[in-house]
Protein backbone atom coordinates (compact mmCIF):
# COMPACT_ATOMS: atom_id res chain seq x y z
CA MET A 1 -22.53 -31.48 -52.89
CA MET A 2 -24.12 -29.58 -50.01
CA GLY A 3 -22.51 -31.90 -47.43
CA ARG A 4 -19.08 -31.33 -48.93
CA ILE A 5 -19.50 -27.52 -48.77
CA ARG A 6 -20.67 -27.76 -45.18
CA PHE A 7 -17.65 -29.95 -44.29
CA ASN A 8 -15.23 -27.51 -45.97
CA PHE A 9 -16.89 -24.61 -44.15
CA TYR A 10 -16.51 -26.29 -40.74
CA ALA A 11 -12.98 -27.40 -41.55
CA THR A 12 -12.11 -23.81 -42.46
CA ILE A 13 -13.58 -22.55 -39.16
CA VAL A 14 -11.56 -25.13 -37.20
CA VAL A 15 -8.34 -24.18 -39.03
CA VAL A 16 -8.98 -20.46 -38.41
CA PHE A 17 -9.78 -21.15 -34.74
CA ILE A 18 -6.58 -23.18 -34.28
CA SER A 19 -4.58 -20.46 -36.04
CA VAL A 20 -6.02 -17.79 -33.72
CA LEU A 21 -5.26 -19.90 -30.64
CA SER A 22 -1.74 -20.52 -31.91
CA TYR A 23 -1.26 -16.78 -32.49
CA ILE A 24 -2.54 -15.94 -28.99
CA ALA A 25 -0.29 -18.60 -27.39
CA ASN A 26 2.71 -17.36 -29.36
CA ASP A 27 1.92 -13.75 -28.40
CA TYR A 28 1.72 -14.82 -24.73
CA ARG A 29 5.12 -16.53 -25.04
CA ILE A 30 6.60 -13.36 -26.53
CA ILE A 31 5.19 -11.28 -23.66
CA THR A 32 6.51 -13.79 -21.11
CA ILE A 33 9.95 -13.88 -22.75
CA THR A 34 9.99 -10.06 -22.85
CA ASN A 35 9.20 -9.93 -19.10
CA ILE A 36 11.91 -12.51 -18.36
CA ILE A 37 14.47 -10.55 -20.39
CA ARG A 38 13.45 -7.28 -18.69
CA THR A 39 13.68 -8.86 -15.22
CA ASN A 40 17.01 -10.49 -16.03
CA ASN A 41 18.35 -7.16 -17.31
CA GLN A 42 17.25 -5.49 -14.05
CA ARG A 43 18.92 -8.28 -12.07
CA GLN A 44 22.12 -7.93 -14.15
CA GLU A 45 22.12 -4.19 -13.50
CA SER A 46 21.83 -4.82 -9.75
CA VAL A 47 24.66 -7.37 -9.89
CA SER A 48 26.80 -4.85 -11.80
CA ARG A 49 26.13 -2.25 -9.11
CA TYR A 50 26.95 -4.87 -6.46
CA VAL A 51 30.29 -5.57 -8.12
CA ARG A 52 31.07 -1.85 -8.14
CA LEU A 53 30.06 -1.61 -4.47
CA SER A 54 32.02 -4.63 -3.32
CA SER A 55 35.13 -3.81 -5.33
CA THR A 56 35.65 -0.48 -3.57
CA THR A 57 37.88 -2.21 -1.03
CA GLU A 58 40.27 -5.12 -1.39
CA SER A 59 39.12 -8.25 0.37
CA THR A 60 40.05 -11.91 0.50
CA ASP A 61 37.11 -12.71 2.77
CA THR A 62 34.66 -15.41 1.76
CA VAL A 63 30.98 -15.81 2.48
CA PRO A 64 30.44 -17.52 5.85
CA ASP A 65 29.13 -21.09 5.58
CA ASP A 66 25.72 -20.55 7.17
CA LYS A 67 22.40 -22.19 6.22
CA ASP A 68 20.48 -18.95 6.86
CA ILE A 69 22.78 -17.04 4.51
CA GLN A 70 22.31 -19.73 1.87
CA LYS A 71 18.52 -19.47 2.31
CA TRP A 72 18.71 -15.68 1.92
CA LEU A 73 20.85 -15.92 -1.21
CA ILE A 74 18.72 -18.65 -2.83
CA ASP A 75 15.60 -16.48 -2.52
CA SER A 76 17.25 -13.72 -4.55
CA LEU A 77 14.00 -12.11 -5.73
CA GLY A 78 11.86 -12.94 -2.70
CA CYS A 79 9.68 -15.26 -4.82
CA ARG A 80 10.07 -18.21 -2.47
CA HIS A 81 9.08 -16.19 0.61
CA ILE A 82 12.16 -17.37 2.50
CA ARG A 83 13.48 -13.85 3.02
CA THR A 84 11.83 -12.13 5.98
CA LEU A 85 12.49 -9.17 8.22
CA ASP A 86 13.17 -11.62 11.08
CA LEU A 87 15.79 -13.47 9.01
CA ALA A 88 17.44 -10.16 8.07
CA ASP A 89 17.50 -9.04 11.73
CA SER A 90 18.90 -12.41 12.76
CA LEU A 91 21.75 -12.20 10.22
CA VAL A 92 22.58 -8.60 11.17
CA ASN A 93 22.74 -9.54 14.85
CA ARG A 94 24.55 -12.88 14.36
CA TYR A 95 27.36 -11.27 12.36
CA GLY A 96 27.37 -7.97 14.24
CA LEU A 97 26.86 -6.03 11.03
CA LEU A 98 25.47 -2.84 12.58
CA SER A 99 28.32 -0.30 12.35
CA LYS A 100 30.26 -2.63 10.01
CA CYS A 101 31.45 -1.71 6.53
CA LYS A 102 29.57 -2.34 3.32
CA ARG A 103 32.04 -5.06 2.26
CA ASP A 104 31.33 -7.16 5.39
CA PHE A 105 27.59 -6.64 4.91
CA LEU A 106 27.68 -7.74 1.27
CA LEU A 107 29.55 -10.93 2.20
CA VAL A 108 26.49 -11.97 4.23
CA PHE A 109 23.56 -10.55 2.23
CA GLY A 110 24.94 -10.77 -1.32
CA PRO A 111 24.01 -8.42 -4.14
CA PRO A 112 21.03 -6.12 -3.54
CA ASN A 113 18.02 -6.10 -5.85
CA ASP A 114 18.20 -2.33 -6.08
CA ILE A 115 20.27 0.58 -4.81
CA ASP A 116 19.12 4.06 -3.87
CA SER A 117 20.65 7.16 -2.39
CA VAL A 118 18.76 9.31 0.10
CA GLN A 119 20.28 12.40 1.74
CA ASN A 120 23.87 11.28 1.08
CA ARG A 121 23.10 7.82 2.43
CA LEU A 122 23.41 4.64 0.43
CA VAL A 123 20.32 2.40 0.62
CA LEU A 124 20.57 -1.27 -0.36
CA ILE A 125 17.20 -2.79 -1.20
CA TYR A 126 16.36 -6.50 -0.99
CA TYR A 127 13.00 -7.82 -2.24
CA ILE A 128 10.93 -10.06 0.03
CA ASN A 129 7.51 -11.75 -0.22
CA SER A 130 7.37 -11.02 -3.96
CA VAL A 131 4.39 -12.00 -6.08
CA CYS A 132 5.91 -14.18 -8.78
CA ARG A 133 5.12 -16.52 -11.63
CA SER A 134 7.78 -19.10 -12.55
CA ASP A 135 10.30 -17.46 -10.20
CA MET A 136 9.90 -14.08 -11.93
CA ILE A 137 8.37 -11.02 -10.25
CA ILE A 138 5.05 -9.97 -11.75
CA ASP A 139 5.50 -6.36 -12.89
CA LYS A 140 2.27 -4.80 -11.60
CA ALA A 141 2.03 -6.76 -8.35
CA ASP A 142 2.45 -5.28 -4.87
CA LYS A 143 6.09 -4.89 -3.82
CA CYS A 144 7.75 -5.63 -0.47
CA TRP A 145 11.36 -4.99 0.40
CA ILE A 146 13.85 -4.43 3.17
CA ASN A 147 16.12 -1.39 3.24
CA PHE A 148 19.61 -1.29 4.73
CA VAL A 149 21.02 2.23 5.13
CA PHE A 150 24.74 3.02 4.98
CA GLU A 151 26.44 6.27 5.85
CA ASP A 152 30.15 6.73 5.17
CA ASP A 153 30.46 3.03 4.22
CA THR A 154 28.94 1.92 7.56
CA LEU A 155 25.59 0.20 8.22
CA VAL A 156 23.72 2.73 10.36
CA SER A 157 20.28 1.19 10.81
CA SER A 158 18.57 -2.11 11.43
CA PRO A 159 16.63 -3.49 8.45
CA THR A 160 13.43 -1.62 7.65
CA PHE A 161 10.42 -3.25 5.95
CA TYR A 162 8.43 -1.47 3.21
CA VAL A 163 5.33 -2.35 1.18
CA VAL A 164 3.94 -0.59 -1.89
CA GLU A 165 0.42 -1.55 -3.01
């Protein structure tokens, strides 16, 4: 009789332990899914702003067929560490984008990750060297980005690199 009670006791402990682990794993999945949804919503908002930016002028232009542009676009959140200040400078110089309109710029660089406005200037922000897990930016990690500043629909500065720790 004592052995049976002891077995039931240990079996109960194992079942409780497995239930707790299952609960923790499920809670982690909920947190991860919540972060993915939040990041995707932020990305969708940036794409929506990009569409509004790029639709301000009529254009039948297409994105140039360039491997560096494809690399830039593939690394859309900077998680793969393909985007760099050197690559941004190279693309600006190769396509002569300084003093060009926003539409021409967006054909090369694609949608920004964020948009800001400083002193009546439009600032397009592209993330680089992001700290990610499963191709998603970790919320509380350090942030790096490149700014492109436009004034009166014209790119007025070379890319500028920023880091926030």
